[in-house]
Amino acid sequence: MKTFDSWAWVEYFRGSRAGAEVKALLEGKEVLFTPAVCLAEIRAKYLREGHDPTDRIRFIKLRTSVIDVGAPVAEDAADRKVHDGLHMVDAMVLASARSRGSDLLTGDKHFRGLPNVILLSQ
């Protein structure tokens, strides 16, 4: 199981080398997730840039299961923020992946050295 963070999705939509790694997973049979908070990050990014995010968000929802942020994820996120020194959104992303027993797929250096995090090449 893999969980994609916003960074991984942005690279996928850019068609970068890291995005090709995401594409390969999307074309496979592995169970895939996206934290709900990533939908907010992705939507905001494309709106800021003057692009309509509708098709991208729809694609993400079709290809992965969205992990909602309930109380257990929120509480673990607080622990990740304090213990791992992450920003709150990053902590929520990591806690979401942990809630599914999933590896987090990212290129965000804030996650470097944390267990169950797979850093994509840039």
N, C-alpha and C. Protein backbone atom coordinates (compact mmCIF):
# COMPACT_ATOMS: atom_id res chain seq x y z
N MET A 1 0.84 -1.18 0.00
CA MET A 1 0.00 0.00 0.00
C MET A 1 0.89 1.24 0.00
N LYS A 2 0.44 2.23 -0.75
CA LYS A 2 1.17 3.50 -0.83
C LYS A 2 0.19 4.65 -0.67
N THR A 3 0.66 5.70 -0.05
CA THR A 3 -0.10 6.95 0.08
C THR A 3 0.68 8.04 -0.63
N PHE A 4 0.02 8.76 -1.51
CA PHE A 4 0.65 9.86 -2.24
C PHE A 4 0.39 11.16 -1.51
N ASP A 5 1.43 11.96 -1.34
CA ASP A 5 1.22 13.29 -0.81
C ASP A 5 1.07 14.28 -1.97
N SER A 6 0.84 15.53 -1.64
CA SER A 6 0.64 16.56 -2.67
C SER A 6 1.83 16.66 -3.60
N TRP A 7 3.03 16.58 -3.05
CA TRP A 7 4.25 16.69 -3.86
C TRP A 7 4.25 15.64 -4.96
N ALA A 8 3.91 14.41 -4.61
CA ALA A 8 3.90 13.32 -5.59
C ALA A 8 2.87 13.59 -6.69
N TRP A 9 1.69 14.07 -6.31
CA TRP A 9 0.67 14.37 -7.30
C TRP A 9 1.08 15.51 -8.23
N VAL A 10 1.65 16.54 -7.68
CA VAL A 10 2.09 17.67 -8.51
C VAL A 10 3.12 17.19 -9.53
N GLU A 11 4.04 16.37 -9.11
CA GLU A 11 5.05 15.85 -10.04
C GLU A 11 4.40 14.95 -11.10
N TYR A 12 3.41 14.18 -10.71
CA TYR A 12 2.69 13.35 -11.68
C TYR A 12 2.06 14.24 -12.75
N PHE A 13 1.35 15.29 -12.33
CA PHE A 13 0.68 16.16 -13.28
C PHE A 13 1.67 16.96 -14.12
N ARG A 14 2.86 17.22 -13.59
CA ARG A 14 3.91 17.90 -14.36
C ARG A 14 4.54 16.98 -15.40
N GLY A 15 4.44 15.67 -15.17
CA GLY A 15 5.05 14.71 -16.08
C GLY A 15 6.55 14.59 -15.88
N SER A 16 7.01 14.87 -14.68
CA SER A 16 8.44 14.81 -14.37
C SER A 16 8.91 13.36 -14.19
N ARG A 17 10.21 13.21 -13.96
CA ARG A 17 10.77 11.88 -13.70
C ARG A 17 10.16 11.28 -12.44
N ALA A 18 10.03 12.08 -11.40
CA ALA A 18 9.38 11.59 -10.17
C ALA A 18 7.92 11.24 -10.46
N GLY A 19 7.29 12.05 -11.30
CA GLY A 19 5.90 11.78 -11.68
C GLY A 19 5.75 10.47 -12.41
N ALA A 20 6.78 10.06 -13.15
CA ALA A 20 6.75 8.77 -13.85
C ALA A 20 6.70 7.62 -12.85
N GLU A 21 7.34 7.79 -11.69
CA GLU A 21 7.29 6.77 -10.65
C GLU A 21 5.87 6.65 -10.09
N VAL A 22 5.22 7.79 -9.93
CA VAL A 22 3.83 7.80 -9.47
C VAL A 22 2.95 7.13 -10.52
N LYS A 23 3.16 7.48 -11.79
CA LYS A 23 2.37 6.90 -12.88
C LYS A 23 2.49 5.38 -12.89
N ALA A 24 3.69 4.88 -12.71
CA ALA A 24 3.89 3.42 -12.70
C ALA A 24 3.06 2.77 -11.60
N LEU A 25 3.01 3.39 -10.44
CA LEU A 25 2.20 2.84 -9.35
C LEU A 25 0.71 2.92 -9.67
N LEU A 26 0.29 4.02 -10.29
CA LEU A 26 -1.11 4.17 -10.66
C LEU A 26 -1.55 3.12 -11.67
N GLU A 27 -0.62 2.67 -12.49
CA GLU A 27 -0.94 1.67 -13.50
C GLU A 27 -0.84 0.24 -12.97
N GLY A 28 -0.36 0.09 -11.74
CA GLY A 28 -0.23 -1.23 -11.13
C GLY A 28 -1.49 -1.63 -10.38
N LYS A 29 -1.33 -2.62 -9.55
CA LYS A 29 -2.47 -3.18 -8.82
C LYS A 29 -2.43 -2.90 -7.32
N GLU A 30 -1.47 -2.11 -6.90
CA GLU A 30 -1.32 -1.82 -5.47
C GLU A 30 -2.45 -0.93 -4.97
N VAL A 31 -2.80 -1.09 -3.70
CA VAL A 31 -3.80 -0.24 -3.06
C VAL A 31 -3.16 1.13 -2.81
N LEU A 32 -3.86 2.19 -3.23
CA LEU A 32 -3.30 3.54 -3.16
C LEU A 32 -4.25 4.48 -2.44
N PHE A 33 -3.64 5.43 -1.71
CA PHE A 33 -4.40 6.40 -0.92
C PHE A 33 -3.90 7.81 -1.17
N THR A 34 -4.77 8.77 -0.88
CA THR A 34 -4.41 10.19 -0.84
C THR A 34 -5.09 10.79 0.37
N PRO A 35 -4.34 11.46 1.26
CA PRO A 35 -4.96 12.14 2.39
C PRO A 35 -5.86 13.29 1.91
N ALA A 36 -7.01 13.46 2.54
CA ALA A 36 -7.94 14.52 2.16
C ALA A 36 -7.28 15.90 2.20
N VAL A 37 -6.38 16.10 3.15
CA VAL A 37 -5.72 17.40 3.27
C VAL A 37 -4.91 17.71 2.01
N CYS A 38 -4.45 16.69 1.31
CA CYS A 38 -3.71 16.90 0.06
C CYS A 38 -4.62 17.46 -1.03
N LEU A 39 -5.89 17.09 -1.01
CA LEU A 39 -6.82 17.66 -1.98
C LEU A 39 -6.91 19.17 -1.80
N ALA A 40 -6.89 19.63 -0.56
CA ALA A 40 -6.92 21.07 -0.29
C ALA A 40 -5.65 21.73 -0.80
N GLU A 41 -4.50 21.11 -0.53
CA GLU A 41 -3.23 21.69 -0.99
C GLU A 41 -3.17 21.76 -2.51
N ILE A 42 -3.58 20.70 -3.17
CA ILE A 42 -3.52 20.65 -4.62
C ILE A 42 -4.50 21.64 -5.24
N ARG A 43 -5.72 21.68 -4.71
CA ARG A 43 -6.71 22.63 -5.21
C ARG A 43 -6.21 24.06 -5.07
N ALA A 44 -5.69 24.40 -3.91
CA ALA A 44 -5.19 25.76 -3.67
C ALA A 44 -4.05 26.10 -4.62
N LYS A 45 -3.15 25.17 -4.85
CA LYS A 45 -2.01 25.41 -5.74
C LYS A 45 -2.48 25.79 -7.14
N TYR A 46 -3.37 24.97 -7.70
CA TYR A 46 -3.80 25.22 -9.07
C TYR A 46 -4.70 26.46 -9.17
N LEU A 47 -5.52 26.72 -8.16
CA LEU A 47 -6.31 27.96 -8.16
C LEU A 47 -5.41 29.19 -8.12
N ARG A 48 -4.37 29.14 -7.26
CA ARG A 48 -3.41 30.26 -7.19
C ARG A 48 -2.75 30.53 -8.53
N GLU A 49 -2.50 29.44 -9.27
CA GLU A 49 -1.84 29.55 -10.56
C GLU A 49 -2.81 29.88 -11.69
N GLY A 50 -4.10 30.01 -11.37
CA GLY A 50 -5.09 30.36 -12.37
C GLY A 50 -5.58 29.18 -13.21
N HIS A 51 -5.39 27.96 -12.69
CA HIS A 51 -5.83 26.75 -13.40
C HIS A 51 -7.03 26.14 -12.69
N ASP A 52 -7.90 25.55 -13.46
CA ASP A 52 -9.05 24.85 -12.89
C ASP A 52 -8.59 23.48 -12.38
N PRO A 53 -8.72 23.21 -11.09
CA PRO A 53 -8.24 21.94 -10.53
C PRO A 53 -9.24 20.79 -10.63
N THR A 54 -10.41 21.04 -11.18
CA THR A 54 -11.51 20.06 -11.14
C THR A 54 -11.10 18.70 -11.69
N ASP A 55 -10.53 18.67 -12.89
CA ASP A 55 -10.18 17.38 -13.50
C ASP A 55 -9.10 16.65 -12.72
N ARG A 56 -8.13 17.39 -12.19
CA ARG A 56 -7.07 16.75 -11.42
C ARG A 56 -7.62 16.15 -10.13
N ILE A 57 -8.45 16.89 -9.43
CA ILE A 57 -9.04 16.40 -8.18
C ILE A 57 -9.93 15.18 -8.47
N ARG A 58 -10.71 15.25 -9.53
CA ARG A 58 -11.56 14.12 -9.91
C ARG A 58 -10.70 12.89 -10.20
N PHE A 59 -9.60 13.07 -10.92
CA PHE A 59 -8.71 11.96 -11.24
C PHE A 59 -8.16 11.32 -9.97
N ILE A 60 -7.69 12.14 -9.03
CA ILE A 60 -7.15 11.63 -7.78
C ILE A 60 -8.20 10.80 -7.04
N LYS A 61 -9.42 11.30 -6.99
CA LYS A 61 -10.49 10.59 -6.29
C LYS A 61 -10.85 9.27 -6.98
N LEU A 62 -10.73 9.24 -8.29
CA LEU A 62 -11.03 8.01 -9.03
C LEU A 62 -9.95 6.96 -8.88
N ARG A 63 -8.70 7.39 -8.77
CA ARG A 63 -7.57 6.45 -8.79
C ARG A 63 -7.07 6.04 -7.41
N THR A 64 -7.44 6.78 -6.38
CA THR A 64 -6.99 6.45 -5.03
C THR A 64 -8.15 6.57 -4.05
N SER A 65 -8.01 5.93 -2.92
CA SER A 65 -8.98 6.10 -1.83
C SER A 65 -8.54 7.30 -1.01
N VAL A 66 -9.48 8.18 -0.73
CA VAL A 66 -9.16 9.38 0.04
C VAL A 66 -9.29 9.07 1.53
N ILE A 67 -8.25 9.44 2.26
CA ILE A 67 -8.23 9.23 3.72
C ILE A 67 -8.74 10.48 4.40
N ASP A 68 -9.89 10.38 5.04
CA ASP A 68 -10.43 11.52 5.78
C ASP A 68 -9.66 11.71 7.09
N VAL A 69 -9.67 12.94 7.55
CA VAL A 69 -8.98 13.26 8.80
C VAL A 69 -9.98 13.19 9.93
N GLY A 70 -10.04 12.03 10.58
CA GLY A 70 -10.88 11.86 11.75
C GLY A 70 -10.05 12.08 13.01
N ALA A 71 -10.67 11.86 14.14
CA ALA A 71 -10.00 12.10 15.43
C ALA A 71 -8.70 11.30 15.59
N PRO A 72 -8.67 10.00 15.26
CA PRO A 72 -7.41 9.26 15.43
C PRO A 72 -6.27 9.84 14.58
N VAL A 73 -6.57 10.21 13.34
CA VAL A 73 -5.53 10.80 12.47
C VAL A 73 -5.10 12.14 13.03
N ALA A 74 -6.05 12.95 13.47
CA ALA A 74 -5.72 14.27 14.02
C ALA A 74 -4.83 14.15 15.26
N GLU A 75 -5.14 13.20 16.12
CA GLU A 75 -4.34 13.02 17.33
C GLU A 75 -2.94 12.52 17.01
N ASP A 76 -2.83 11.58 16.06
CA ASP A 76 -1.51 11.11 15.66
C ASP A 76 -0.73 12.24 14.99
N ALA A 77 -1.42 13.09 14.23
CA ALA A 77 -0.75 14.22 13.58
C ALA A 77 -0.12 15.14 14.62
N ALA A 78 -0.81 15.37 15.73
CA ALA A 78 -0.24 16.20 16.79
C ALA A 78 1.04 15.56 17.33
N ASP A 79 1.01 14.24 17.51
CA ASP A 79 2.20 13.53 17.97
C ASP A 79 3.33 13.64 16.96
N ARG A 80 3.01 13.49 15.67
CA ARG A 80 4.03 13.58 14.61
C ARG A 80 4.62 14.99 14.56
N LYS A 81 3.78 16.00 14.75
CA LYS A 81 4.26 17.38 14.73
C LYS A 81 5.27 17.60 15.85
N VAL A 82 4.93 17.16 17.03
CA VAL A 82 5.80 17.36 18.19
C VAL A 82 7.02 16.44 18.12
N HIS A 83 6.80 15.17 17.85
CA HIS A 83 7.88 14.18 17.87
C HIS A 83 8.84 14.33 16.70
N ASP A 84 8.29 14.55 15.49
CA ASP A 84 9.12 14.58 14.29
C ASP A 84 9.42 15.99 13.79
N GLY A 85 8.85 17.01 14.45
CA GLY A 85 9.12 18.39 14.06
C GLY A 85 8.53 18.79 12.72
N LEU A 86 7.44 18.15 12.33
CA LEU A 86 6.81 18.44 11.05
C LEU A 86 5.85 19.62 11.14
N HIS A 87 5.61 20.27 10.00
CA HIS A 87 4.53 21.25 9.92
C HIS A 87 3.22 20.48 10.09
N MET A 88 2.18 21.12 10.54
CA MET A 88 0.94 20.42 10.85
C MET A 88 0.37 19.69 9.63
N VAL A 89 0.36 20.32 8.46
CA VAL A 89 -0.19 19.63 7.28
C VAL A 89 0.65 18.40 6.96
N ASP A 90 1.97 18.52 7.01
CA ASP A 90 2.82 17.36 6.78
C ASP A 90 2.56 16.27 7.82
N ALA A 91 2.36 16.67 9.05
CA ALA A 91 2.06 15.71 10.11
C ALA A 91 0.74 15.01 9.85
N MET A 92 -0.24 15.74 9.32
CA MET A 92 -1.53 15.13 8.99
C MET A 92 -1.39 14.14 7.83
N VAL A 93 -0.55 14.48 6.87
CA VAL A 93 -0.31 13.58 5.74
C VAL A 93 0.34 12.28 6.24
N LEU A 94 1.37 12.41 7.06
CA LEU A 94 2.05 11.23 7.58
C LEU A 94 1.12 10.40 8.47
N ALA A 95 0.35 11.07 9.32
CA ALA A 95 -0.59 10.35 10.18
C ALA A 95 -1.65 9.62 9.35
N SER A 96 -2.06 10.22 8.26
CA SER A 96 -3.03 9.57 7.37
C SER A 96 -2.46 8.28 6.80
N ALA A 97 -1.23 8.35 6.31
CA ALA A 97 -0.58 7.14 5.78
C ALA A 97 -0.45 6.09 6.87
N ARG A 98 -0.03 6.52 8.05
CA ARG A 98 0.14 5.58 9.16
C ARG A 98 -1.19 4.92 9.54
N SER A 99 -2.29 5.66 9.39
CA SER A 99 -3.60 5.11 9.76
C SER A 99 -4.00 3.93 8.87
N ARG A 100 -3.39 3.83 7.70
CA ARG A 100 -3.69 2.74 6.77
C ARG A 100 -2.55 1.72 6.71
N GLY A 101 -1.52 1.91 7.52
CA GLY A 101 -0.38 1.01 7.48
C GLY A 101 0.34 1.09 6.15
N SER A 102 0.36 2.27 5.59
CA SER A 102 0.85 2.50 4.24
C SER A 102 2.16 3.27 4.24
N ASP A 103 2.98 3.04 3.21
CA ASP A 103 4.17 3.86 3.00
C ASP A 103 3.74 5.19 2.39
N LEU A 104 4.40 6.26 2.78
CA LEU A 104 4.14 7.58 2.22
C LEU A 104 5.11 7.84 1.09
N LEU A 105 4.58 8.18 -0.07
CA LEU A 105 5.37 8.47 -1.26
C LEU A 105 5.43 9.98 -1.45
N THR A 106 6.64 10.54 -1.41
CA THR A 106 6.81 11.99 -1.46
C THR A 106 8.20 12.33 -1.97
N GLY A 107 8.41 13.57 -2.23
CA GLY A 107 9.75 14.08 -2.52
C GLY A 107 10.08 15.21 -1.57
N ASP A 108 9.15 15.48 -0.66
CA ASP A 108 9.29 16.57 0.31
C ASP A 108 10.36 16.21 1.34
N LYS A 109 11.40 17.00 1.37
CA LYS A 109 12.55 16.73 2.25
C LYS A 109 12.22 16.80 3.74
N HIS A 110 11.08 17.39 4.11
CA HIS A 110 10.68 17.43 5.52
C HIS A 110 10.50 16.03 6.09
N PHE A 111 10.25 15.07 5.21
CA PHE A 111 9.99 13.69 5.65
C PHE A 111 11.25 12.83 5.67
N ARG A 112 12.37 13.39 5.27
CA ARG A 112 13.62 12.61 5.18
C ARG A 112 13.94 11.93 6.52
N GLY A 113 14.27 10.65 6.42
CA GLY A 113 14.71 9.89 7.58
C GLY A 113 13.58 9.32 8.43
N LEU A 114 12.34 9.60 8.07
CA LEU A 114 11.23 9.06 8.86
C LEU A 114 10.86 7.66 8.36
N PRO A 115 10.44 6.79 9.27
CA PRO A 115 10.09 5.43 8.86
C PRO A 115 8.87 5.42 7.94
N ASN A 116 8.87 4.44 7.05
CA ASN A 116 7.76 4.22 6.11
C ASN A 116 7.52 5.39 5.16
N VAL A 117 8.59 6.13 4.88
CA VAL A 117 8.53 7.22 3.90
C VAL A 117 9.46 6.85 2.74
N ILE A 118 8.92 6.92 1.54
CA ILE A 118 9.70 6.66 0.33
C ILE A 118 9.90 8.00 -0.37
N LEU A 119 11.15 8.45 -0.44
CA LEU A 119 11.45 9.71 -1.10
C LEU A 119 11.68 9.46 -2.60
N LEU A 120 10.91 10.16 -3.41
CA LEU A 120 11.06 10.07 -4.86
C LEU A 120 12.24 10.92 -5.30
N SER A 121 12.84 10.52 -6.41
CA SER A 121 13.92 11.33 -6.98
C SER A 121 13.32 12.57 -7.61
N GLN A 122 14.12 13.63 -7.64
CA GLN A 122 13.61 14.87 -8.23
C GLN A 122 14.06 15.04 -9.59
